[in-house]
Every structure is written in C-alpha cells, then in structure tokens.
Amino acid sequence: MKFTALTTTLVLASLAPITLAFGPQRAAFTRCSTALNADAGLYYSSTTGNTEVVAGYIAEAAGLEAEEIGDATNSDVEGQGALIVGAPTWHTDADSERSGTTWDS
C-alpha cells in the first residue's frame, strides 16, 4: 500500500510540468500610458503650498511646467490649447477671508 501511494505520488509529480505546459497561460503584462498631444498650460495658485506640490506632480507626469497664475500673462493663457488649473479651496465660499491668492483678484 505504501509503495503504491509513493509510486502514484512520484508519477503525478513527474507529470506536473507537462500538464502545466498545456494549461491556461498567464497574460503578459501590458503597460498603459497616456500622451498629451496639445499645447497645454498648467497654472496654479497656493495658500499653504499644497496646490503647488500637486501642480508639481502633475507637471512631472505630463511633461509640462507648472506656472503660478500671477506670473502668467493673458496672452500666455489664451495661447494654450488646453488648461490645467489648480486653485486653493481655503474659504472660497466666504465673502471675506478669501484665500488671498491671484485667483481671488
């Protein structure tokens, strides 16, 4: 009985590579990417620095340069095919105590 169980185990173990060769194949890793094929401007304004940090992350990922909105001219902004903007959310619903950034001007 022990010999039969051992023989069966050895036979099954030796067949494992053969059966796995005909089993379902694991899908190859597919890398997805996006491309920005337009002239885009990335503008931000920040009270605490958080919006500036996020603008930096987006700029790095999109291959753009982040620019503080107060430093941009009207022609800079109007000349873009697309705009990515970041604005602080500090007191934006209040009539007073606004964020104090260029977006509030």
Protein backbone atom coordinates (compact mmCIF):
# COMPACT_ATOMS: atom_id res chain seq x y z
CA MET A 1 0.00 0.00 0.00
CA LYS A 2 2.80 2.44 0.90
CA PHE A 3 4.65 1.53 -2.28
CA THR A 4 1.54 2.20 -4.41
CA ALA A 5 0.94 5.60 -2.79
CA LEU A 6 4.57 6.56 -3.24
CA THR A 7 4.57 5.43 -6.86
CA THR A 8 1.36 7.35 -7.58
CA THR A 9 2.79 10.50 -5.98
CA LEU A 10 6.00 10.24 -8.00
CA VAL A 11 4.12 9.68 -11.26
CA LEU A 12 1.82 12.65 -10.64
CA ALA A 13 4.74 14.87 -9.65
CA SER A 14 6.62 13.95 -12.81
CA LEU A 15 3.57 14.80 -14.95
CA ALA A 16 3.06 18.25 -13.39
CA PRO A 17 5.39 20.13 -15.79
CA ILE A 18 3.68 18.53 -18.79
CA THR A 19 0.16 19.35 -17.64
CA LEU A 20 1.13 22.91 -16.72
CA ALA A 21 2.55 23.45 -20.19
CA PHE A 22 -0.91 22.96 -21.69
CA GLY A 23 -2.80 24.91 -19.06
CA PRO A 24 -4.01 28.49 -19.36
CA GLN A 25 -1.19 30.91 -19.92
CA ARG A 26 -0.72 33.90 -17.71
CA ALA A 27 -1.46 37.14 -19.54
CA ALA A 28 1.56 39.21 -20.45
CA PHE A 29 1.91 42.47 -18.56
CA THR A 30 0.55 45.34 -20.62
CA ARG A 31 1.79 48.81 -19.84
CA CYS A 32 -0.69 51.60 -20.40
CA SER A 33 0.32 55.15 -21.00
CA THR A 34 -1.26 58.41 -21.92
CA ALA A 35 0.02 61.20 -24.06
CA LEU A 36 -0.86 64.86 -24.08
CA ASN A 37 -0.74 65.93 -27.71
CA ALA A 38 -1.77 69.56 -27.31
CA ASP A 39 -0.23 72.77 -26.14
CA ALA A 40 -1.29 72.80 -22.52
CA GLY A 41 -0.67 75.25 -19.75
CA LEU A 42 -0.52 74.22 -16.11
CA TYR A 43 -1.36 77.11 -13.79
CA TYR A 44 -1.82 77.11 -10.04
CA SER A 45 -2.09 79.35 -7.03
CA SER A 46 -1.49 78.21 -3.47
CA THR A 47 -2.08 79.47 0.04
CA THR A 48 -0.44 76.72 2.08
CA GLY A 49 1.78 75.18 -0.61
CA ASN A 50 -0.30 72.03 -1.14
CA THR A 51 -1.67 73.12 -4.52
CA GLU A 52 1.85 73.97 -5.66
CA VAL A 53 3.07 70.50 -4.67
CA VAL A 54 0.24 68.80 -6.58
CA ALA A 55 0.89 71.03 -9.60
CA GLY A 56 4.48 69.83 -9.50
CA TYR A 57 3.36 66.19 -9.52
CA ILE A 58 1.05 66.81 -12.48
CA ALA A 59 3.74 68.77 -14.33
CA GLU A 60 6.22 65.93 -13.91
CA ALA A 61 3.74 63.28 -15.06
CA ALA A 62 2.52 65.33 -18.05
CA GLY A 63 5.88 66.74 -19.09
CA LEU A 64 4.74 70.31 -18.51
CA GLU A 65 5.99 73.24 -16.49
CA ALA A 66 3.80 74.50 -13.65
CA GLU A 67 3.43 78.27 -13.51
CA GLU A 68 1.97 80.44 -10.76
CA ILE A 69 -1.12 82.11 -12.26
CA GLY A 70 0.03 85.51 -11.02
CA ASP A 71 3.15 85.22 -13.19
CA ALA A 72 1.23 84.37 -16.38
CA THR A 73 0.09 86.96 -18.89
CA ASN A 74 -3.29 86.93 -20.61
CA SER A 75 -1.64 86.02 -23.91
CA ASP A 76 0.16 83.08 -22.23
CA VAL A 77 -3.13 81.63 -21.04
CA GLU A 78 -5.11 82.45 -24.19
CA GLY A 79 -2.49 80.81 -26.39
CA GLN A 80 -2.91 77.37 -24.81
CA GLY A 81 -4.89 74.58 -26.45
CA ALA A 82 -5.77 73.16 -23.03
CA LEU A 83 -5.60 74.40 -19.45
CA ILE A 84 -4.89 72.51 -16.27
CA VAL A 85 -5.56 74.70 -13.25
CA GLY A 86 -5.15 74.29 -9.53
CA ALA A 87 -6.75 76.64 -7.04
CA PRO A 88 -6.87 76.56 -3.24
CA THR A 89 -10.14 75.73 -1.51
CA TRP A 90 -9.47 77.89 1.53
CA HIS A 91 -12.61 79.93 2.34
CA THR A 92 -13.69 80.01 -1.29
CA ASP A 93 -17.37 80.34 -0.33
CA ALA A 94 -16.81 83.22 2.07
CA ASP A 95 -17.34 86.87 1.17
CA SER A 96 -14.44 87.76 3.43
CA GLU A 97 -11.37 85.77 4.45
CA ARG A 98 -10.73 84.67 0.88
CA SER A 99 -7.62 82.66 0.02
CA GLY A 100 -5.67 85.79 -0.81
CA THR A 101 -4.27 84.28 -3.99
CA THR A 102 -4.36 85.64 -7.51
CA TRP A 103 -7.47 83.57 -8.27
CA ASP A 104 -9.42 85.80 -5.86
CA SER A 105 -8.35 89.02 -7.58
